[in-house]
Amino acid sequence: MPPNNKKVERLLTLARLSLSELEIQNISLDFEKIMKFIDKLNEIDTRDLTPLTHIHETYNIFREDEADSVVVVKKDMLKNAQNHDSDYFKVSKMIEDNK
């Protein structure tokens, strides 16, 4: 089903775009070229090809996620804080009320 000017105008309406008649004709021609290229790709026999899922053969190059034996205790964290109150970090106010 080749694209025509009415279909392009419908797409332009949905995209809230406004183009001249010449631009609409040019886009219709471009769509037609794209569709012809896709049809040409569909002619290629791909039955014996496996789908490409990754560019590289090794698909997971990340290390395993392992639990670390270091346990950070709240008191140790708070003793390094500049300003704290019992179990909480104290930070300066960042947002002001503009009432």
N, C-alpha and C. Protein backbone atom coordinates (compact mmCIF):
# COMPACT_ATOMS: atom_id res chain seq x y z
N MET A 1 0.85 -1.17 0.00
CA MET A 1 0.00 0.00 0.00
C MET A 1 0.90 1.24 0.00
N PRO A 2 1.13 1.84 -1.15
CA PRO A 2 2.03 2.99 -1.23
C PRO A 2 1.42 4.22 -0.56
N PRO A 3 2.27 5.00 0.12
CA PRO A 3 1.76 6.21 0.75
C PRO A 3 1.34 7.24 -0.30
N ASN A 4 0.32 7.98 0.02
CA ASN A 4 -0.09 9.04 -0.88
C ASN A 4 -0.20 10.34 -0.08
N ASN A 5 -0.53 11.42 -0.75
CA ASN A 5 -0.57 12.72 -0.09
C ASN A 5 -1.59 12.75 1.05
N LYS A 6 -2.72 12.05 0.90
CA LYS A 6 -3.74 12.05 1.95
C LYS A 6 -3.21 11.39 3.22
N LYS A 7 -2.46 10.31 3.06
CA LYS A 7 -1.88 9.64 4.23
C LYS A 7 -0.84 10.53 4.91
N VAL A 8 -0.04 11.20 4.09
CA VAL A 8 0.97 12.10 4.65
C VAL A 8 0.29 13.26 5.37
N GLU A 9 -0.76 13.80 4.79
CA GLU A 9 -1.50 14.89 5.44
C GLU A 9 -2.09 14.42 6.76
N ARG A 10 -2.56 13.17 6.81
CA ARG A 10 -3.10 12.62 8.05
C ARG A 10 -2.00 12.53 9.12
N LEU A 11 -0.82 12.06 8.71
CA LEU A 11 0.31 12.00 9.64
C LEU A 11 0.71 13.39 10.13
N LEU A 12 0.70 14.35 9.22
CA LEU A 12 1.05 15.72 9.59
C LEU A 12 0.04 16.29 10.58
N THR A 13 -1.24 15.95 10.39
CA THR A 13 -2.28 16.40 11.32
C THR A 13 -2.05 15.79 12.69
N LEU A 14 -1.77 14.49 12.72
CA LEU A 14 -1.52 13.82 14.00
C LEU A 14 -0.28 14.39 14.70
N ALA A 15 0.73 14.75 13.92
CA ALA A 15 1.96 15.31 14.48
C ALA A 15 1.86 16.81 14.70
N ARG A 16 0.73 17.39 14.32
CA ARG A 16 0.50 18.83 14.45
C ARG A 16 1.57 19.65 13.71
N LEU A 17 1.85 19.19 12.48
CA LEU A 17 2.81 19.88 11.62
C LEU A 17 2.09 20.48 10.43
N SER A 18 2.64 21.57 9.95
CA SER A 18 2.06 22.23 8.79
C SER A 18 3.15 22.39 7.73
N LEU A 19 2.93 21.75 6.58
CA LEU A 19 3.91 21.82 5.50
C LEU A 19 3.22 22.29 4.22
N SER A 20 4.03 22.79 3.32
CA SER A 20 3.50 23.24 2.04
C SER A 20 3.16 22.02 1.18
N GLU A 21 2.43 22.27 0.10
CA GLU A 21 2.02 21.19 -0.81
C GLU A 21 3.25 20.52 -1.43
N LEU A 22 4.26 21.31 -1.77
CA LEU A 22 5.49 20.77 -2.36
C LEU A 22 6.20 19.86 -1.35
N GLU A 23 6.27 20.28 -0.09
CA GLU A 23 6.91 19.46 0.95
C GLU A 23 6.14 18.15 1.16
N ILE A 24 4.82 18.21 1.10
CA ILE A 24 4.00 17.00 1.25
C ILE A 24 4.28 16.04 0.10
N GLN A 25 4.40 16.55 -1.11
CA GLN A 25 4.70 15.70 -2.26
C GLN A 25 6.09 15.07 -2.11
N ASN A 26 7.05 15.86 -1.64
CA ASN A 26 8.41 15.33 -1.45
C ASN A 26 8.43 14.23 -0.38
N ILE A 27 7.70 14.43 0.69
CA ILE A 27 7.63 13.41 1.74
C ILE A 27 6.96 12.15 1.22
N SER A 28 5.92 12.30 0.43
CA SER A 28 5.25 11.14 -0.17
C SER A 28 6.22 10.35 -1.04
N LEU A 29 7.03 11.06 -1.83
CA LEU A 29 8.03 10.39 -2.66
C LEU A 29 9.08 9.68 -1.81
N ASP A 30 9.51 10.34 -0.74
CA ASP A 30 10.48 9.71 0.16
C ASP A 30 9.91 8.45 0.80
N PHE A 31 8.65 8.51 1.26
CA PHE A 31 8.01 7.33 1.83
C PHE A 31 7.93 6.20 0.81
N GLU A 32 7.62 6.56 -0.42
CA GLU A 32 7.51 5.56 -1.47
C GLU A 32 8.87 4.88 -1.70
N LYS A 33 9.96 5.67 -1.70
CA LYS A 33 11.30 5.10 -1.86
C LYS A 33 11.64 4.18 -0.69
N ILE A 34 11.27 4.58 0.51
CA ILE A 34 11.53 3.77 1.69
C ILE A 34 10.78 2.44 1.60
N MET A 35 9.52 2.50 1.19
CA MET A 35 8.71 1.28 1.07
C MET A 35 9.27 0.35 -0.01
N LYS A 36 9.77 0.90 -1.10
CA LYS A 36 10.38 0.08 -2.15
C LYS A 36 11.64 -0.59 -1.62
N PHE A 37 12.40 0.14 -0.83
CA PHE A 37 13.62 -0.43 -0.25
C PHE A 37 13.27 -1.57 0.72
N ILE A 38 12.24 -1.39 1.53
CA ILE A 38 11.80 -2.44 2.45
C ILE A 38 11.33 -3.66 1.67
N ASP A 39 10.60 -3.44 0.58
CA ASP A 39 10.17 -4.56 -0.26
C ASP A 39 11.37 -5.31 -0.84
N LYS A 40 12.40 -4.56 -1.21
CA LYS A 40 13.61 -5.18 -1.75
C LYS A 40 14.29 -6.02 -0.66
N LEU A 41 14.32 -5.53 0.57
CA LEU A 41 14.89 -6.29 1.68
C LEU A 41 14.09 -7.56 1.95
N ASN A 42 12.79 -7.50 1.76
CA ASN A 42 11.92 -8.66 1.99
C ASN A 42 12.18 -9.77 0.98
N GLU A 43 12.82 -9.46 -0.14
CA GLU A 43 13.14 -10.47 -1.15
C GLU A 43 14.31 -11.36 -0.74
N ILE A 44 15.10 -10.93 0.23
CA ILE A 44 16.28 -11.67 0.66
C ILE A 44 15.86 -12.90 1.45
N ASP A 45 16.46 -14.04 1.11
CA ASP A 45 16.16 -15.29 1.81
C ASP A 45 16.93 -15.33 3.13
N THR A 46 16.21 -15.27 4.25
CA THR A 46 16.84 -15.25 5.57
C THR A 46 16.46 -16.48 6.40
N ARG A 47 15.97 -17.53 5.75
CA ARG A 47 15.50 -18.72 6.48
C ARG A 47 16.62 -19.40 7.27
N ASP A 48 17.83 -19.44 6.74
CA ASP A 48 18.92 -20.15 7.39
C ASP A 48 19.76 -19.26 8.32
N LEU A 49 19.36 -18.04 8.50
CA LEU A 49 20.11 -17.12 9.36
C LEU A 49 19.51 -17.12 10.76
N THR A 50 20.41 -17.07 11.74
CA THR A 50 19.93 -16.95 13.12
C THR A 50 19.81 -15.47 13.46
N PRO A 51 18.81 -15.11 14.22
CA PRO A 51 18.64 -13.70 14.58
C PRO A 51 19.81 -13.20 15.42
N LEU A 52 20.20 -11.98 15.20
CA LEU A 52 21.29 -11.36 15.96
C LEU A 52 20.71 -10.75 17.22
N THR A 53 21.17 -11.25 18.35
CA THR A 53 20.68 -10.70 19.62
C THR A 53 21.71 -9.79 20.27
N HIS A 54 23.00 -10.05 20.00
CA HIS A 54 24.07 -9.22 20.54
C HIS A 54 25.13 -9.01 19.47
N ILE A 55 25.81 -7.92 19.55
CA ILE A 55 26.87 -7.64 18.58
C ILE A 55 28.07 -8.55 18.83
N HIS A 56 28.39 -8.77 20.11
CA HIS A 56 29.53 -9.59 20.49
C HIS A 56 29.06 -10.98 20.92
N GLU A 57 29.96 -11.95 20.80
CA GLU A 57 29.62 -13.30 21.23
C GLU A 57 29.42 -13.35 22.74
N THR A 58 30.27 -12.61 23.47
CA THR A 58 30.09 -12.56 24.92
C THR A 58 29.08 -11.46 25.21
N TYR A 59 27.96 -11.85 25.72
CA TYR A 59 26.89 -10.87 25.89
C TYR A 59 26.81 -10.28 27.28
N ASN A 60 27.42 -10.94 28.29
CA ASN A 60 27.40 -10.38 29.64
C ASN A 60 28.83 -10.26 30.11
N ILE A 61 29.39 -9.07 29.99
CA ILE A 61 30.78 -8.87 30.35
C ILE A 61 30.92 -8.30 31.75
N PHE A 62 29.83 -8.25 32.49
CA PHE A 62 29.87 -7.70 33.84
C PHE A 62 30.24 -8.79 34.84
N ARG A 63 30.79 -8.39 35.96
CA ARG A 63 31.14 -9.35 37.00
C ARG A 63 29.87 -9.82 37.71
N GLU A 64 29.98 -10.92 38.39
CA GLU A 64 28.85 -11.42 39.16
C GLU A 64 28.59 -10.48 40.33
N ASP A 65 27.35 -10.31 40.67
CA ASP A 65 26.96 -9.48 41.79
C ASP A 65 27.08 -10.30 43.07
N GLU A 66 28.05 -9.93 43.90
CA GLU A 66 28.30 -10.67 45.12
C GLU A 66 28.16 -9.76 46.32
N ALA A 67 27.65 -10.31 47.40
CA ALA A 67 27.52 -9.54 48.64
C ALA A 67 28.91 -9.32 49.22
N ASP A 68 29.15 -8.10 49.68
CA ASP A 68 30.43 -7.75 50.27
C ASP A 68 30.38 -8.04 51.76
N SER A 69 31.49 -8.45 52.31
CA SER A 69 31.50 -8.79 53.74
C SER A 69 31.59 -7.55 54.63
N VAL A 70 31.87 -6.38 54.05
CA VAL A 70 31.98 -5.16 54.83
C VAL A 70 30.59 -4.67 55.20
N VAL A 71 30.34 -4.50 56.47
CA VAL A 71 29.05 -4.01 56.94
C VAL A 71 29.28 -2.61 57.50
N VAL A 72 28.59 -1.65 56.94
CA VAL A 72 28.71 -0.27 57.41
C VAL A 72 27.70 -0.06 58.53
N VAL A 73 28.20 0.31 59.65
CA VAL A 73 27.34 0.52 60.82
C VAL A 73 26.95 1.99 60.86
N LYS A 74 25.72 2.22 61.26
CA LYS A 74 25.19 3.58 61.29
C LYS A 74 26.07 4.52 62.13
N LYS A 75 26.55 4.05 63.25
CA LYS A 75 27.38 4.91 64.12
C LYS A 75 28.67 5.30 63.41
N ASP A 76 29.26 4.36 62.66
CA ASP A 76 30.49 4.68 61.93
C ASP A 76 30.24 5.72 60.85
N MET A 77 29.10 5.61 60.19
CA MET A 77 28.76 6.61 59.17
C MET A 77 28.54 7.97 59.81
N LEU A 78 27.83 8.01 60.91
CA LEU A 78 27.50 9.28 61.54
C LEU A 78 28.73 9.96 62.15
N LYS A 79 29.69 9.18 62.62
CA LYS A 79 30.87 9.81 63.23
C LYS A 79 31.70 10.56 62.19
N ASN A 80 31.56 10.19 60.90
CA ASN A 80 32.26 10.90 59.82
C ASN A 80 31.48 12.09 59.29
N ALA A 81 30.23 12.24 59.72
CA ALA A 81 29.40 13.33 59.23
C ALA A 81 29.76 14.62 59.94
N GLN A 82 29.74 15.72 59.20
CA GLN A 82 30.01 17.03 59.80
C GLN A 82 28.95 17.40 60.81
N ASN A 83 27.71 17.17 60.44
CA ASN A 83 26.60 17.60 61.28
C ASN A 83 25.56 16.48 61.34
N HIS A 84 25.28 16.02 62.56
CA HIS A 84 24.27 14.97 62.70
C HIS A 84 23.55 15.14 64.03
N ASP A 85 22.39 14.50 64.11
CA ASP A 85 21.58 14.57 65.32
C ASP A 85 21.07 13.16 65.59
N SER A 86 21.49 12.57 66.65
CA SER A 86 21.19 11.19 67.04
C SER A 86 21.42 10.23 65.87
N ASP A 87 20.40 9.79 65.19
CA ASP A 87 20.55 8.81 64.12
C ASP A 87 20.43 9.40 62.72
N TYR A 88 20.45 10.71 62.55
CA TYR A 88 20.17 11.33 61.26
C TYR A 88 21.25 12.33 60.87
N PHE A 89 21.48 12.44 59.56
CA PHE A 89 22.35 13.48 59.03
C PHE A 89 21.58 14.78 59.02
N LYS A 90 22.24 15.87 59.36
CA LYS A 90 21.60 17.19 59.28
C LYS A 90 22.18 17.92 58.07
N VAL A 91 21.30 18.43 57.24
CA VAL A 91 21.73 19.18 56.06
C VAL A 91 21.08 20.55 56.09
N SER A 92 21.70 21.49 55.41
CA SER A 92 21.13 22.84 55.37
C SER A 92 19.91 22.86 54.46
N LYS A 93 19.01 23.80 54.72
CA LYS A 93 17.79 23.92 53.95
C LYS A 93 18.12 24.34 52.52
N MET A 94 17.52 23.64 51.55
CA MET A 94 17.80 23.91 50.14
C MET A 94 16.67 24.63 49.44
N ILE A 95 15.45 24.48 49.93
CA ILE A 95 14.29 25.07 49.27
C ILE A 95 13.68 26.09 50.23
N GLU A 96 13.39 27.25 49.67
CA GLU A 96 12.78 28.29 50.49
C GLU A 96 11.30 28.42 50.17
N ASP A 97 10.52 28.79 51.16
CA ASP A 97 9.09 29.04 50.96
C ASP A 97 8.92 30.44 50.41
N ASN A 98 8.21 30.60 49.32
CA ASN A 98 7.93 31.91 48.72
C ASN A 98 6.46 32.23 48.90
N LYS A 99 6.04 32.35 50.14
CA LYS A 99 4.64 32.66 50.40
C LYS A 99 4.40 34.12 50.53
